[in-house]
N, C-alpha and C. Protein backbone atom coordinates (compact mmCIF):
# COMPACT_ATOMS: atom_id res chain seq x y z
N MET A 1 -116.03 88.69 -66.44
CA MET A 1 -117.19 87.83 -66.35
C MET A 1 -117.11 86.77 -67.50
N LYS A 2 -117.21 85.53 -67.22
CA LYS A 2 -117.19 84.48 -68.15
C LYS A 2 -118.54 84.38 -68.86
N TRP A 3 -118.54 84.29 -70.20
CA TRP A 3 -119.74 84.18 -70.96
C TRP A 3 -120.27 82.75 -70.97
N HIS A 4 -121.62 82.60 -70.79
CA HIS A 4 -122.26 81.45 -71.10
C HIS A 4 -123.57 81.65 -71.36
N ILE A 5 -124.28 80.50 -71.84
CA ILE A 5 -125.68 80.84 -72.49
C ILE A 5 -126.70 81.36 -71.43
N TRP A 6 -126.57 80.91 -70.10
CA TRP A 6 -127.57 81.34 -69.13
C TRP A 6 -127.31 82.82 -68.91
N SER A 7 -126.11 83.44 -68.88
CA SER A 7 -125.93 84.73 -68.65
C SER A 7 -126.56 85.68 -69.85
N ALA A 8 -126.26 84.99 -71.10
CA ALA A 8 -127.06 85.61 -72.20
C ALA A 8 -128.51 85.84 -71.95
N PHE A 9 -129.15 84.68 -71.59
CA PHE A 9 -130.48 84.62 -71.29
C PHE A 9 -130.94 85.75 -70.16
N THR A 10 -130.29 85.84 -69.32
CA THR A 10 -130.61 86.78 -68.07
C THR A 10 -130.42 88.21 -68.40
N ARG A 11 -129.26 88.49 -69.29
CA ARG A 11 -129.10 89.87 -69.72
C ARG A 11 -130.08 90.16 -70.80
N SER A 12 -130.55 89.17 -71.54
CA SER A 12 -131.59 89.52 -72.57
C SER A 12 -132.96 89.77 -72.08
N HIS A 13 -133.31 89.31 -70.94
CA HIS A 13 -134.57 89.50 -70.26
C HIS A 13 -134.65 91.10 -69.89
N ARG A 14 -133.40 91.58 -69.69
CA ARG A 14 -133.34 93.15 -69.46
C ARG A 14 -133.15 93.94 -70.64
N GLY A 15 -132.97 93.30 -71.80
CA GLY A 15 -132.67 94.04 -73.08
C GLY A 15 -131.23 94.46 -73.16
N ARG A 16 -130.35 93.85 -72.34
CA ARG A 16 -128.94 94.22 -72.34
C ARG A 16 -128.08 93.42 -73.27
N GLU A 17 -128.42 92.38 -73.75
CA GLU A 17 -127.59 91.50 -74.56
C GLU A 17 -127.57 92.12 -76.03
N ARG A 18 -126.52 91.68 -76.77
CA ARG A 18 -126.38 92.21 -78.16
C ARG A 18 -127.36 91.21 -78.94
N LEU A 19 -127.98 91.97 -79.94
CA LEU A 19 -129.02 91.17 -80.63
C LEU A 19 -128.37 89.96 -81.31
N TRP A 20 -127.10 90.06 -81.81
CA TRP A 20 -126.56 89.01 -82.61
C TRP A 20 -126.32 87.74 -81.79
N VAL A 21 -126.15 87.89 -80.42
CA VAL A 21 -125.97 86.86 -79.65
C VAL A 21 -127.36 86.13 -79.51
N ILE A 22 -128.30 86.76 -79.36
CA ILE A 22 -129.62 86.14 -79.15
C ILE A 22 -130.03 85.50 -80.49
N TRP A 23 -129.89 86.36 -81.60
CA TRP A 23 -130.31 85.89 -82.90
C TRP A 23 -129.65 84.68 -83.44
N TRP A 24 -128.14 84.60 -83.31
CA TRP A 24 -127.46 83.61 -83.78
C TRP A 24 -127.07 82.56 -82.81
N LEU A 25 -126.60 82.82 -81.65
CA LEU A 25 -126.19 81.69 -80.71
C LEU A 25 -127.29 81.06 -80.09
N CYS A 26 -128.52 81.76 -79.93
CA CYS A 26 -129.63 81.07 -79.32
C CYS A 26 -130.69 80.76 -80.36
N GLY A 27 -130.73 81.57 -81.42
CA GLY A 27 -131.75 81.39 -82.49
C GLY A 27 -131.48 80.00 -83.34
N ILE A 28 -130.29 79.76 -83.56
CA ILE A 28 -129.94 78.55 -84.40
C ILE A 28 -130.42 77.32 -83.72
N PRO A 29 -130.05 77.10 -82.40
CA PRO A 29 -130.60 75.98 -81.67
C PRO A 29 -132.12 75.97 -81.52
N VAL A 30 -132.75 77.07 -81.29
CA VAL A 30 -134.31 77.15 -81.42
C VAL A 30 -134.79 76.79 -82.62
N ALA A 31 -134.15 77.07 -83.72
CA ALA A 31 -134.63 76.58 -85.14
C ALA A 31 -134.48 75.27 -85.22
N TRP A 32 -133.38 74.63 -84.72
CA TRP A 32 -133.26 73.15 -84.86
C TRP A 32 -134.32 72.34 -83.87
N ILE A 33 -134.68 72.98 -82.78
CA ILE A 33 -135.69 72.41 -81.97
C ILE A 33 -136.97 72.51 -82.55
N ALA A 34 -137.28 73.72 -83.12
CA ALA A 34 -138.66 73.94 -83.80
C ALA A 34 -138.89 72.89 -85.03
N SER A 35 -137.85 72.72 -85.73
CA SER A 35 -137.75 71.79 -86.90
C SER A 35 -138.07 70.32 -86.39
N ALA A 36 -137.38 69.98 -85.34
CA ALA A 36 -137.64 68.59 -84.86
C ALA A 36 -138.95 68.46 -84.21
N LEU A 37 -139.55 69.50 -83.61
CA LEU A 37 -140.88 69.44 -83.12
C LEU A 37 -141.87 69.31 -84.28
N VAL A 38 -141.67 70.08 -85.39
CA VAL A 38 -142.71 69.98 -86.52
C VAL A 38 -142.52 68.48 -87.09
N ILE A 39 -141.36 67.89 -87.14
CA ILE A 39 -141.30 66.65 -87.80
C ILE A 39 -141.95 65.57 -86.72
N ALA A 40 -141.70 65.85 -85.55
CA ALA A 40 -142.29 64.91 -84.50
C ALA A 40 -143.87 64.97 -84.48
N ALA A 41 -144.46 66.20 -84.59
CA ALA A 41 -145.88 66.37 -84.59
C ALA A 41 -146.46 65.87 -85.88
N GLU A 42 -145.94 65.93 -87.06
CA GLU A 42 -146.39 65.32 -88.23
C GLU A 42 -146.29 63.94 -88.17
N THR A 43 -145.16 63.38 -87.54
CA THR A 43 -145.13 61.86 -87.44
C THR A 43 -146.27 61.38 -86.55
N ALA A 44 -146.57 62.20 -85.45
CA ALA A 44 -147.56 61.78 -84.46
C ALA A 44 -148.95 61.90 -85.16
N ARG A 45 -149.11 62.83 -86.05
CA ARG A 45 -150.40 62.88 -86.79
C ARG A 45 -150.63 61.71 -87.79
N VAL A 46 -149.59 61.43 -88.43
CA VAL A 46 -149.59 60.20 -89.29
C VAL A 46 -149.78 59.03 -88.63
N ALA A 47 -149.26 58.75 -87.39
CA ALA A 47 -149.47 57.56 -86.47
C ALA A 47 -150.79 57.60 -85.70
N ALA A 48 -151.78 58.61 -86.10
CA ALA A 48 -153.13 58.76 -85.42
C ALA A 48 -153.00 59.02 -83.99
N HIS A 49 -152.12 60.03 -83.64
CA HIS A 49 -152.02 60.40 -82.29
C HIS A 49 -152.16 62.06 -82.42
N PRO A 50 -153.35 62.58 -82.63
CA PRO A 50 -153.44 64.06 -82.89
C PRO A 50 -153.24 64.83 -81.55
N VAL A 51 -153.57 64.29 -80.45
CA VAL A 51 -153.36 65.06 -79.23
C VAL A 51 -151.91 65.37 -78.88
N THR A 52 -151.16 64.37 -79.03
CA THR A 52 -149.68 64.31 -78.90
C THR A 52 -149.20 65.36 -79.85
N ALA A 53 -149.55 65.29 -81.17
CA ALA A 53 -149.09 66.30 -82.19
C ALA A 53 -149.51 67.63 -81.88
N ASP A 54 -150.68 67.89 -81.34
CA ASP A 54 -151.12 69.23 -80.86
C ASP A 54 -150.26 69.82 -79.77
N TRP A 55 -149.85 68.91 -78.85
CA TRP A 55 -149.02 69.25 -77.71
C TRP A 55 -147.61 69.67 -78.15
N LEU A 56 -147.20 68.88 -79.22
CA LEU A 56 -145.83 69.23 -79.80
C LEU A 56 -145.76 70.52 -80.50
N ASP A 57 -146.94 70.84 -81.19
CA ASP A 57 -147.15 72.09 -81.73
C ASP A 57 -147.16 73.28 -80.75
N VAL A 58 -147.82 73.11 -79.68
CA VAL A 58 -147.82 74.10 -78.66
C VAL A 58 -146.49 74.29 -78.13
N ALA A 59 -145.80 73.23 -77.86
CA ALA A 59 -144.43 73.42 -77.35
C ALA A 59 -143.45 74.13 -78.31
N ARG A 60 -143.59 73.86 -79.57
CA ARG A 60 -142.88 74.51 -80.69
C ARG A 60 -143.18 76.05 -80.53
N ILE A 61 -144.40 76.44 -80.55
CA ILE A 61 -144.90 77.86 -80.58
C ILE A 61 -144.23 78.52 -79.26
N LEU A 62 -144.49 77.86 -78.21
CA LEU A 62 -144.06 78.33 -76.99
C LEU A 62 -142.46 78.65 -76.93
N ILE A 63 -141.70 77.75 -77.38
CA ILE A 63 -140.19 77.90 -77.48
C ILE A 63 -139.85 79.11 -78.39
N TYR A 64 -140.51 79.07 -79.61
CA TYR A 64 -140.23 80.13 -80.36
C TYR A 64 -140.56 81.48 -79.96
N THR A 65 -141.75 81.59 -79.22
CA THR A 65 -142.24 82.85 -78.61
C THR A 65 -141.32 83.39 -77.65
N ILE A 66 -140.85 82.45 -76.68
CA ILE A 66 -139.91 82.88 -75.56
C ILE A 66 -138.47 83.43 -76.39
N TRP A 67 -137.98 82.80 -77.35
CA TRP A 67 -136.87 83.30 -78.10
C TRP A 67 -137.07 84.64 -78.74
N ALA A 68 -138.28 84.64 -79.41
CA ALA A 68 -138.67 85.90 -80.13
C ALA A 68 -138.88 87.08 -79.34
N ARG A 69 -139.26 86.87 -78.02
CA ARG A 69 -139.47 87.97 -77.01
C ARG A 69 -138.17 88.43 -76.54
N LEU A 70 -137.26 87.48 -76.37
CA LEU A 70 -135.88 87.92 -75.96
C LEU A 70 -135.10 88.69 -77.02
N ALA A 71 -135.17 88.26 -78.30
CA ALA A 71 -134.71 89.02 -79.42
C ALA A 71 -135.50 90.40 -79.57
N TRP A 72 -136.68 90.42 -79.39
CA TRP A 72 -137.44 91.71 -79.55
C TRP A 72 -137.00 92.57 -78.51
N LEU A 73 -136.69 92.19 -77.37
CA LEU A 73 -136.16 93.20 -76.25
C LEU A 73 -134.74 93.53 -76.63
N CYS A 74 -134.04 92.71 -77.20
CA CYS A 74 -132.65 93.18 -77.61
C CYS A 74 -132.40 93.84 -79.10
N ALA A 75 -133.42 93.97 -79.57
CA ALA A 75 -133.34 94.47 -81.04
C ALA A 75 -132.76 95.94 -81.06
N HIS A 76 -132.82 96.57 -79.90
CA HIS A 76 -132.12 98.00 -79.96
C HIS A 76 -130.63 97.92 -79.65
N ASN A 77 -130.11 96.81 -79.42
CA ASN A 77 -128.66 96.62 -79.14
C ASN A 77 -127.92 96.23 -80.47
N VAL A 78 -128.06 97.12 -81.38
CA VAL A 78 -127.33 96.86 -82.73
C VAL A 78 -126.49 98.04 -83.05
N GLU A 79 -125.44 97.77 -83.93
CA GLU A 79 -124.63 99.10 -84.36
C GLU A 79 -125.32 99.97 -85.45
N SER A 80 -126.16 99.21 -86.35
CA SER A 80 -126.88 99.96 -87.51
C SER A 80 -128.30 100.16 -87.03
N VAL A 81 -128.90 101.23 -87.05
CA VAL A 81 -130.33 101.48 -86.62
C VAL A 81 -131.25 100.66 -87.64
N VAL A 82 -130.63 100.34 -88.90
CA VAL A 82 -131.50 99.67 -89.91
C VAL A 82 -131.89 98.32 -89.39
N TRP A 83 -131.05 97.57 -88.53
CA TRP A 83 -131.48 96.34 -88.00
C TRP A 83 -132.53 96.23 -87.04
N ARG A 84 -132.87 97.33 -86.40
CA ARG A 84 -133.96 97.28 -85.45
C ARG A 84 -135.23 97.00 -86.11
N PRO A 85 -135.82 97.79 -87.04
CA PRO A 85 -137.09 97.40 -87.54
C PRO A 85 -137.07 96.11 -88.43
N MET A 86 -135.80 95.85 -89.06
CA MET A 86 -135.74 94.58 -89.82
C MET A 86 -135.86 93.46 -88.99
N SER A 87 -135.17 93.41 -87.88
CA SER A 87 -135.24 92.24 -86.91
C SER A 87 -136.69 92.05 -86.32
N ARG A 88 -137.17 93.21 -85.94
CA ARG A 88 -138.58 92.99 -85.42
C ARG A 88 -139.63 92.49 -86.51
N LEU A 89 -139.36 92.97 -87.81
CA LEU A 89 -140.35 92.48 -88.79
C LEU A 89 -140.13 91.02 -89.00
N ALA A 90 -138.71 90.57 -89.11
CA ALA A 90 -138.58 89.15 -89.12
C ALA A 90 -139.09 88.24 -88.03
N LEU A 91 -138.98 88.84 -86.81
CA LEU A 91 -139.54 88.04 -85.73
C LEU A 91 -141.09 88.01 -85.80
N THR A 92 -141.80 88.95 -86.23
CA THR A 92 -143.26 88.97 -86.37
C THR A 92 -143.68 87.90 -87.54
N ALA A 93 -142.84 87.98 -88.68
CA ALA A 93 -143.09 87.17 -89.86
C ALA A 93 -142.88 85.65 -89.40
N GLY A 94 -141.90 85.33 -88.58
CA GLY A 94 -141.67 84.15 -88.05
C GLY A 94 -142.73 83.50 -87.10
N LEU A 95 -143.18 84.50 -86.17
CA LEU A 95 -144.28 84.04 -85.43
C LEU A 95 -145.54 83.60 -86.24
N LEU A 96 -145.80 84.41 -87.35
CA LEU A 96 -146.92 84.20 -88.18
C LEU A 96 -146.75 82.82 -88.93
N LEU A 97 -145.56 82.57 -89.45
CA LEU A 97 -145.30 81.37 -89.91
C LEU A 97 -145.43 80.24 -89.06
N MET A 98 -144.90 80.36 -87.79
CA MET A 98 -144.89 79.27 -86.81
C MET A 98 -146.35 78.85 -86.62
N ALA A 99 -147.18 79.87 -86.56
CA ALA A 99 -148.71 79.57 -86.34
C ALA A 99 -149.34 78.86 -87.51
N MET A 100 -148.78 79.14 -88.85
CA MET A 100 -149.35 78.55 -89.94
C MET A 100 -148.99 77.23 -90.28
N VAL A 101 -147.79 76.74 -89.74
CA VAL A 101 -147.24 75.44 -89.91
C VAL A 101 -147.91 74.36 -89.10
């Protein structure tokens, strides 16, 4: 079976994908998108478009939450059991920080 990003997403919904795939290969683009949405939202606020900024914030939190759910489901697919609680702690902290920004 040939690997591609869509198959990683479908396997992660069932908790079958390795955590590193979701964390690194999917998480890095999610971080880039989230950063771009923060910049766009703040730019919209400065330009006196608060409703647009709020919708950009909602989109950012939604994208992060979808990724975090997939990573949470796959947290048990690691070689060392130390990474299970550490990854879930980092995901929870990330969600709290997303809400604060």
